[in-house]
Amino acid sequence: MPWKNWSSESLGVALAILAAFGFSFKAIFVKLAYAVPQAVPVEAITLLALRMSFALPFFAVIAVHASRAAPSLSRRDWLTLIALGLLGYYGASLLDFIGLSYISAGLERLILFTYPTLTVMIGVLFMGKSLQRREIGALLLSYAGIGLVFFHDLEFSGEARSVIIGSLFIFASSLAYAFYLAGSGSMIQRLGSVRFTALAMLVSVLATELHLLVTQPLSALLLQPLPIYAYAAAMALFSTVLPVFLQSAAIRRIGASKSVMIGTL
């Protein structure tokens, strides 16, 4: 196959592009689920829990397989995995789903595009990495574009309060995800991309399900309209399982900073 002759960097770039493509559909699935007619729209935590429930079997099987004959994890490894799992696809996803109940998918995607520059800045501020000129340019362009679209939506939406609240939730999601990505690089090198991703995602799944059990009746998970389950299942496969492994594989090959900059495509 042609891709077998690609350099590690070229393959990493291709994987990052595919991951970005998968993640880009997530907001569409969420907005479609919110638009399903019913007396009470589906709650953000319920939709997130359904997404994670459908993804759970994949991550569980892969985690068990990847951990066979692998070295045992230290206490520090487990603590790091738990922290990253809570930050990434639990904390960041929950904030994102809440934000999408206030603003459009288009504005959400644009604000989420801050996570690459935030990841780079976290590396500069906390990990001793240097900031290149092109990254400074990307940062300025990114925030200028976000500012223009934000004020456009603020002026013409007629719901300024919703735009502001939703935007703050999405930015908080982007920041949480940036910390997850910045912290995942060293763990991926230690554990391997597949094992790290599966274990971190299991933490996210368990946190999400526990949150649901504490805040919602079990019927919220079991008595949704059929389209809700269809959108959650599609989101689990195409915007969760596949892209998270693609992204981790890309980070292993080209690093977190370069991988996330490609994610703005």
Protein backbone atom coordinates (compact mmCIF):
# COMPACT_ATOMS: atom_id res chain seq x y z
CA MET A 1 0.00 0.00 0.00
CA PRO A 2 1.30 3.53 -0.80
CA TRP A 3 0.97 4.79 2.78
CA LYS A 4 3.48 2.14 3.94
CA ASN A 5 6.17 4.09 2.09
CA TRP A 6 5.28 7.39 3.78
CA SER A 7 7.61 8.96 6.31
CA SER A 8 6.53 8.98 9.95
CA GLU A 9 5.82 12.72 9.73
CA SER A 10 3.71 12.41 6.57
CA LEU A 11 1.69 9.60 8.12
CA GLY A 12 1.25 11.66 11.30
CA VAL A 13 -0.09 14.61 9.29
CA ALA A 14 -2.53 12.33 7.44
CA LEU A 15 -3.75 10.81 10.70
CA ALA A 16 -4.25 14.27 12.24
CA ILE A 17 -6.32 15.38 9.22
CA LEU A 18 -8.52 12.28 9.45
CA ALA A 19 -9.00 12.85 13.19
CA ALA A 20 -10.00 16.49 12.60
CA PHE A 21 -12.48 15.34 9.96
CA GLY A 22 -14.12 12.92 12.41
CA PHE A 23 -14.25 15.41 15.27
CA SER A 24 -15.86 18.03 13.01
CA PHE A 25 -19.05 15.96 12.75
CA LYS A 26 -19.58 15.88 16.52
CA ALA A 27 -21.27 19.29 16.77
CA ILE A 28 -23.62 18.36 13.92
CA PHE A 29 -24.69 15.14 15.67
CA VAL A 30 -25.24 17.06 18.93
CA LYS A 31 -27.37 19.77 17.30
CA LEU A 32 -29.41 17.11 15.47
CA ALA A 33 -30.02 15.31 18.77
CA TYR A 34 -31.09 18.54 20.48
CA ALA A 35 -33.54 19.17 17.61
CA VAL A 36 -35.34 15.82 17.99
CA PRO A 37 -38.98 16.65 18.88
CA GLN A 38 -39.93 15.65 22.43
CA ALA A 39 -41.57 17.25 25.46
CA VAL A 40 -38.24 17.94 27.17
CA PRO A 41 -35.07 18.20 25.03
CA VAL A 42 -32.35 15.71 25.89
CA GLU A 43 -29.96 16.93 28.61
CA ALA A 44 -26.30 17.48 27.78
CA ILE A 45 -25.11 14.92 30.34
CA THR A 46 -27.63 12.34 29.05
CA LEU A 47 -26.48 12.73 25.45
CA LEU A 48 -22.84 12.59 26.52
CA ALA A 49 -23.52 9.45 28.60
CA LEU A 50 -25.20 7.77 25.62
CA ARG A 51 -22.23 8.64 23.44
CA MET A 52 -19.85 7.15 26.00
CA SER A 53 -22.03 4.07 26.56
CA PHE A 54 -21.88 3.18 22.88
CA ALA A 55 -18.12 3.79 22.85
CA LEU A 56 -17.43 1.82 26.06
CA PRO A 57 -17.18 -1.71 24.53
CA PHE A 58 -14.59 -0.55 22.00
CA PHE A 59 -12.39 1.11 24.61
CA ALA A 60 -12.73 -1.77 27.10
CA VAL A 61 -11.70 -4.44 24.58
CA ILE A 62 -8.82 -2.35 23.24
CA ALA A 63 -7.60 -1.48 26.76
CA VAL A 64 -7.50 -5.15 27.79
CA HIS A 65 -5.76 -6.19 24.58
CA ALA A 66 -3.21 -3.35 24.72
CA SER A 67 -2.39 -4.04 28.38
CA ARG A 68 -1.50 -7.69 27.87
CA ALA A 69 2.21 -8.31 28.39
CA ALA A 70 2.64 -4.56 28.99
CA PRO A 71 4.46 -3.21 32.07
CA SER A 72 2.28 -2.41 35.08
CA LEU A 73 1.31 1.21 35.55
CA SER A 74 2.80 3.12 38.45
CA ARG A 75 0.70 5.15 40.86
CA ARG A 76 1.87 8.30 39.09
CA ASP A 77 0.77 6.85 35.74
CA TRP A 78 -2.70 6.14 37.11
CA LEU A 79 -3.04 9.59 38.65
CA THR A 80 -2.00 11.20 35.38
CA LEU A 81 -4.41 9.03 33.41
CA ILE A 82 -7.27 9.91 35.76
CA ALA A 83 -6.50 13.63 35.57
CA LEU A 84 -6.26 13.59 31.77
CA GLY A 85 -9.38 11.44 31.42
CA LEU A 86 -11.37 13.87 33.58
CA LEU A 87 -10.04 16.86 31.66
CA GLY A 88 -10.40 15.50 28.14
CA TYR A 89 -13.45 13.58 27.04
CA TYR A 90 -15.42 14.09 30.26
CA GLY A 91 -14.82 17.70 31.28
CA ALA A 92 -14.19 19.18 27.84
CA SER A 93 -17.03 17.20 26.24
CA LEU A 94 -19.56 18.10 28.93
CA LEU A 95 -18.74 21.81 28.67
CA ASP A 96 -18.97 21.56 24.89
CA PHE A 97 -22.37 19.84 24.93
CA ILE A 98 -23.73 22.46 27.34
CA GLY A 99 -22.37 25.27 25.19
CA LEU A 100 -24.00 23.81 22.07
CA SER A 101 -27.41 24.20 23.71
CA TYR A 102 -26.84 27.98 23.59
CA ILE A 103 -24.99 28.70 20.32
CA SER A 104 -24.77 27.48 16.73
CA ALA A 105 -22.54 24.63 15.62
CA GLY A 106 -20.64 27.06 13.39
CA LEU A 107 -19.68 29.40 16.23
CA GLU A 108 -18.89 26.39 18.43
CA ARG A 109 -16.43 25.02 15.89
CA LEU A 110 -14.76 28.40 15.54
CA ILE A 111 -14.29 28.84 19.29
CA LEU A 112 -13.02 25.28 19.61
CA PHE A 113 -10.36 26.21 17.07
CA THR A 114 -8.63 28.01 19.93
CA TYR A 115 -7.49 24.67 21.39
CA PRO A 116 -4.44 24.35 19.08
CA THR A 117 -3.09 27.77 20.04
CA LEU A 118 -3.99 27.15 23.69
CA THR A 119 -2.09 23.84 23.56
CA VAL A 120 0.94 25.63 22.14
CA MET A 121 0.73 28.34 24.82
CA ILE A 122 0.47 25.73 27.59
CA GLY A 123 3.62 24.12 26.22
CA VAL A 124 5.39 27.49 26.24
CA LEU A 125 4.23 28.53 29.72
CA PHE A 126 4.49 25.21 31.57
CA MET A 127 6.71 22.87 29.56
CA GLY A 128 9.59 25.08 28.46
CA LYS A 129 8.76 24.94 24.76
CA SER A 130 9.51 27.82 22.39
CA LEU A 131 6.96 29.75 20.36
CA GLN A 132 7.72 29.94 16.65
CA ARG A 133 6.87 32.94 14.48
CA ARG A 134 4.31 31.05 12.41
CA GLU A 135 2.59 29.90 15.59
CA ILE A 136 2.32 33.51 16.75
CA GLY A 137 0.74 34.38 13.41
CA ALA A 138 -1.70 31.47 13.68
CA LEU A 139 -2.64 32.56 17.20
CA LEU A 140 -3.36 36.15 16.12
CA LEU A 141 -5.34 35.06 13.07
CA SER A 142 -7.32 32.55 15.10
CA TYR A 143 -8.45 35.01 17.74
CA ALA A 144 -9.13 37.78 15.20
CA GLY A 145 -11.46 35.46 13.27
CA ILE A 146 -13.20 34.31 16.44
CA GLY A 147 -13.71 37.92 17.52
CA LEU A 148 -15.31 38.86 14.19
CA VAL A 149 -17.75 35.94 14.17
CA PHE A 150 -18.53 36.31 17.88
CA PHE A 151 -19.51 39.96 17.56
CA HIS A 152 -21.46 39.20 14.38
CA ASP A 153 -23.52 36.55 16.20
CA LEU A 154 -23.84 38.85 19.20
CA GLU A 155 -25.28 41.63 17.03
CA PHE A 156 -27.60 39.63 14.78
CA SER A 157 -28.71 36.67 16.86
CA GLY A 158 -31.06 38.69 19.06
CA GLU A 159 -30.00 36.55 22.02
CA ALA A 160 -26.82 38.19 23.25
CA ARG A 161 -26.99 36.49 26.65
CA SER A 162 -27.17 33.02 25.10
CA VAL A 163 -24.26 33.78 22.76
CA ILE A 164 -22.08 34.96 25.65
CA ILE A 165 -22.96 32.06 27.95
CA GLY A 166 -22.53 29.46 25.23
CA SER A 167 -19.25 30.97 24.07
CA LEU A 168 -17.84 30.88 27.61
CA PHE A 169 -18.76 27.21 27.97
CA ILE A 170 -17.14 26.36 24.64
CA PHE A 171 -13.98 28.31 25.45
CA ALA A 172 -13.74 26.50 28.80
CA SER A 173 -14.13 23.23 26.87
CA SER A 174 -11.34 24.25 24.51
CA LEU A 175 -9.05 25.11 27.43
CA ALA A 176 -9.72 21.78 29.18
CA TYR A 177 -9.06 19.90 25.95
CA ALA A 178 -5.84 21.85 25.38
CA PHE A 179 -4.54 20.79 28.81
CA TYR A 180 -5.49 17.19 27.96
CA LEU A 181 -3.54 17.32 24.69
CA ALA A 182 -0.54 19.07 26.22
CA GLY A 183 -0.34 16.47 28.97
CA SER A 184 -0.94 13.46 26.74
CA GLY A 185 2.27 13.68 24.72
CA SER A 186 4.60 12.26 27.35
CA MET A 187 2.08 9.60 28.40
CA ILE A 188 1.66 8.46 24.80
CA GLN A 189 5.42 8.05 24.51
CA ARG A 190 5.47 6.01 27.74
CA LEU A 191 2.41 3.80 27.24
CA GLY A 192 1.90 3.83 23.49
CA SER A 193 -0.90 5.66 21.72
CA VAL A 194 -3.41 2.80 21.74
CA ARG A 195 -3.04 1.83 25.40
CA PHE A 196 -3.02 5.42 26.64
CA THR A 197 -6.07 6.40 24.61
CA ALA A 198 -8.12 3.37 25.65
CA LEU A 199 -7.33 3.79 29.36
CA ALA A 200 -7.86 7.57 29.39
CA MET A 201 -11.16 7.13 27.58
CA LEU A 202 -12.30 4.52 30.10
CA VAL A 203 -11.75 7.12 32.83
CA SER A 204 -13.85 9.59 30.82
CA VAL A 205 -16.60 7.00 30.30
CA LEU A 206 -16.77 6.08 34.00
CA ALA A 207 -16.81 9.74 35.07
CA THR A 208 -19.62 10.49 32.63
CA GLU A 209 -21.75 7.53 33.71
CA LEU A 210 -21.24 8.37 37.40
CA HIS A 211 -22.24 11.99 36.73
CA LEU A 212 -25.41 10.78 35.03
CA LEU A 213 -26.34 8.42 37.87
CA VAL A 214 -25.90 11.21 40.43
CA THR A 215 -27.83 13.89 38.53
CA GLN A 216 -30.41 12.07 36.36
CA PRO A 217 -32.84 9.17 36.77
CA LEU A 218 -31.91 6.00 34.90
CA SER A 219 -34.97 6.49 32.71
CA ALA A 220 -33.20 9.48 31.12
CA LEU A 221 -30.78 7.00 29.58
CA LEU A 222 -33.31 4.30 28.70
CA LEU A 223 -36.38 6.19 27.48
CA GLN A 224 -35.09 8.48 24.74
CA PRO A 225 -36.57 8.62 21.22
CA LEU A 226 -34.92 6.29 18.70
CA PRO A 227 -33.21 9.13 16.75
CA ILE A 228 -31.35 10.17 19.92
CA TYR A 229 -29.79 6.70 20.15
CA ALA A 230 -28.93 6.75 16.45
CA TYR A 231 -27.15 10.11 16.71
CA ALA A 232 -25.36 9.05 19.90
CA ALA A 233 -24.17 5.80 18.28
CA ALA A 234 -22.94 7.63 15.18
CA MET A 235 -21.16 10.15 17.40
CA ALA A 236 -19.56 7.35 19.42
CA LEU A 237 -18.10 5.62 16.38
CA PHE A 238 -17.30 8.40 13.93
CA SER A 239 -16.61 11.32 16.30
CA THR A 240 -15.16 9.48 19.30
CA VAL A 241 -13.64 6.02 18.87
CA LEU A 242 -12.04 6.46 15.45
CA PRO A 243 -10.75 10.06 15.76
CA VAL A 244 -9.34 9.74 19.29
CA PHE A 245 -7.13 6.83 18.24
CA LEU A 246 -6.16 8.60 15.02
CA GLN A 247 -5.24 11.71 16.97
CA SER A 248 -3.16 9.84 19.54
CA ALA A 249 -1.31 8.06 16.75
CA ALA A 250 -0.66 11.44 15.11
CA ILE A 251 0.65 12.93 18.38
CA ARG A 252 3.04 10.00 18.76
CA ARG A 253 4.49 10.70 15.31
CA ILE A 254 4.52 14.51 15.04
CA GLY A 255 3.94 15.79 18.59
CA ALA A 256 0.96 17.50 20.22
CA SER A 257 1.64 21.04 18.96
CA LYS A 258 1.87 20.15 15.28
CA SER A 259 -0.99 17.69 15.49
CA VAL A 260 -3.41 20.18 17.00
CA MET A 261 -2.44 22.94 14.56
CA ILE A 262 -3.50 20.58 11.77
CA GLY A 263 -6.76 20.12 13.67
CA THR A 264 -7.86 23.63 12.66
CA LEU A 265 -8.36 22.46 9.07
